[in-house]
Amino acid sequence: MDIPFRISPNKSSKNKERIIENLDASEVELMEDEFSSLEAALNQCKVYGHRGLGGF
């Protein structure tokens, strides 16, 4: 599954090893069923506050 995403470094992180570890997460590949399962679970979560979705 080809899903576009953006990587945004944690601007508050000052630990080089932690930054590299976080960037390594971009290498994770999910099968379509894994992504669908994760997306379904996340859609059950109530979002509080502004999350960059616009229109607020």
C-alpha atoms as a PDB file:
ATOM      1  CA  MET A   1       0.000   0.000   0.000  1.00  0.00           C
ATOM      2  CA  ASP A   2       1.431   3.355  -0.981  1.00  0.00           C
ATOM      3  CA  ILE A   3       0.282   5.947   1.548  1.00  0.00           C
ATOM      4  CA  PRO A   4       1.835   9.414   1.421  1.00  0.00           C
ATOM      5  CA  PHE A   5       3.048  10.826   4.720  1.00  0.00           C
ATOM      6  CA  ARG A   6       5.237  13.592   6.010  1.00  0.00           C
ATOM      7  CA  ILE A   7       8.020  13.263   8.531  1.00  0.00           C
ATOM      8  CA  SER A   8       8.199  16.085  11.006  1.00  0.00           C
ATOM      9  CA  PRO A   9      11.030  16.028  13.536  1.00  0.00           C
ATOM     10  CA  ASN A  10      10.131  16.656  17.154  1.00  0.00           C
ATOM     11  CA  LYS A  11      11.343  20.224  17.518  1.00  0.00           C
ATOM     12  CA  SER A  12      11.743  19.851  21.276  1.00  0.00           C
ATOM     13  CA  SER A  13      14.078  16.860  21.016  1.00  0.00           C
ATOM     14  CA  LYS A  14      17.743  17.600  21.633  1.00  0.00           C
ATOM     15  CA  ASN A  15      18.941  14.007  21.993  1.00  0.00           C
ATOM     16  CA  LYS A  16      20.614  12.907  18.727  1.00  0.00           C
ATOM     17  CA  GLU A  17      20.007   9.204  19.373  1.00  0.00           C
ATOM     18  CA  ARG A  18      16.291   9.811  20.057  1.00  0.00           C
ATOM     19  CA  ILE A  19      15.925  11.864  16.861  1.00  0.00           C
ATOM     20  CA  ILE A  20      17.549   9.095  14.817  1.00  0.00           C
ATOM     21  CA  GLU A  21      15.373   6.474  16.529  1.00  0.00           C
ATOM     22  CA  ASN A  22      12.239   8.485  15.708  1.00  0.00           C
ATOM     23  CA  LEU A  23      13.280   8.933  12.076  1.00  0.00           C
ATOM     24  CA  ASP A  24      13.875   5.176  11.800  1.00  0.00           C
ATOM     25  CA  ALA A  25      10.138   4.730  12.343  1.00  0.00           C
ATOM     26  CA  SER A  26       9.668   5.919   8.751  1.00  0.00           C
ATOM     27  CA  GLU A  27      11.080   2.558   7.640  1.00  0.00           C
ATOM     28  CA  VAL A  28       8.166   0.607   9.143  1.00  0.00           C
ATOM     29  CA  GLU A  29       6.018  -1.070   6.511  1.00  0.00           C
ATOM     30  CA  LEU A  30       2.512  -2.287   7.278  1.00  0.00           C
ATOM     31  CA  MET A  31       0.536  -4.821   5.293  1.00  0.00           C
ATOM     32  CA  GLU A  32      -2.831  -3.519   4.103  1.00  0.00           C
ATOM     33  CA  ASP A  33      -4.730  -5.529   6.746  1.00  0.00           C
ATOM     34  CA  GLU A  34      -2.434  -4.229   9.506  1.00  0.00           C
ATOM     35  CA  PHE A  35      -2.946  -0.638   8.373  1.00  0.00           C
ATOM     36  CA  SER A  36      -6.723  -1.124   8.136  1.00  0.00           C
ATOM     37  CA  SER A  37      -6.820  -2.610  11.635  1.00  0.00           C
ATOM     38  CA  LEU A  38      -4.746   0.242  13.053  1.00  0.00           C
ATOM     39  CA  GLU A  39      -6.834   2.855  11.247  1.00  0.00           C
ATOM     40  CA  ALA A  40     -10.086   1.308  12.523  1.00  0.00           C
ATOM     41  CA  ALA A  41      -8.771   1.336  16.112  1.00  0.00           C
ATOM     42  CA  LEU A  42      -7.603   4.949  15.827  1.00  0.00           C
ATOM     43  CA  ASN A  43     -10.956   6.007  14.388  1.00  0.00           C
ATOM     44  CA  GLN A  44     -12.556   4.824  17.635  1.00  0.00           C
ATOM     45  CA  CYS A  45     -10.518   7.358  19.637  1.00  0.00           C
ATOM     46  CA  LYS A  46     -12.106  10.706  20.461  1.00  0.00           C
ATOM     47  CA  VAL A  47      -9.865  13.613  19.444  1.00  0.00           C
ATOM     48  CA  TYR A  48      -9.635  16.543  21.838  1.00  0.00           C
ATOM     49  CA  GLY A  49      -8.340  19.933  20.765  1.00  0.00           C
ATOM     50  CA  HIS A  50      -6.732  21.120  17.536  1.00  0.00           C
ATOM     51  CA  ARG A  51      -4.829  18.452  15.611  1.00  0.00           C
ATOM     52  CA  GLY A  52      -3.892  20.370  12.473  1.00  0.00           C
ATOM     53  CA  LEU A  53      -6.994  19.242  10.594  1.00  0.00           C
ATOM     54  CA  GLY A  54      -7.982  22.785   9.622  1.00  0.00           C
ATOM     55  CA  GLY A  55     -11.332  24.459   9.878  1.00  0.00           C
ATOM     56  CA  PHE A  56     -11.038  25.276  13.594  1.00  0.00           C
END
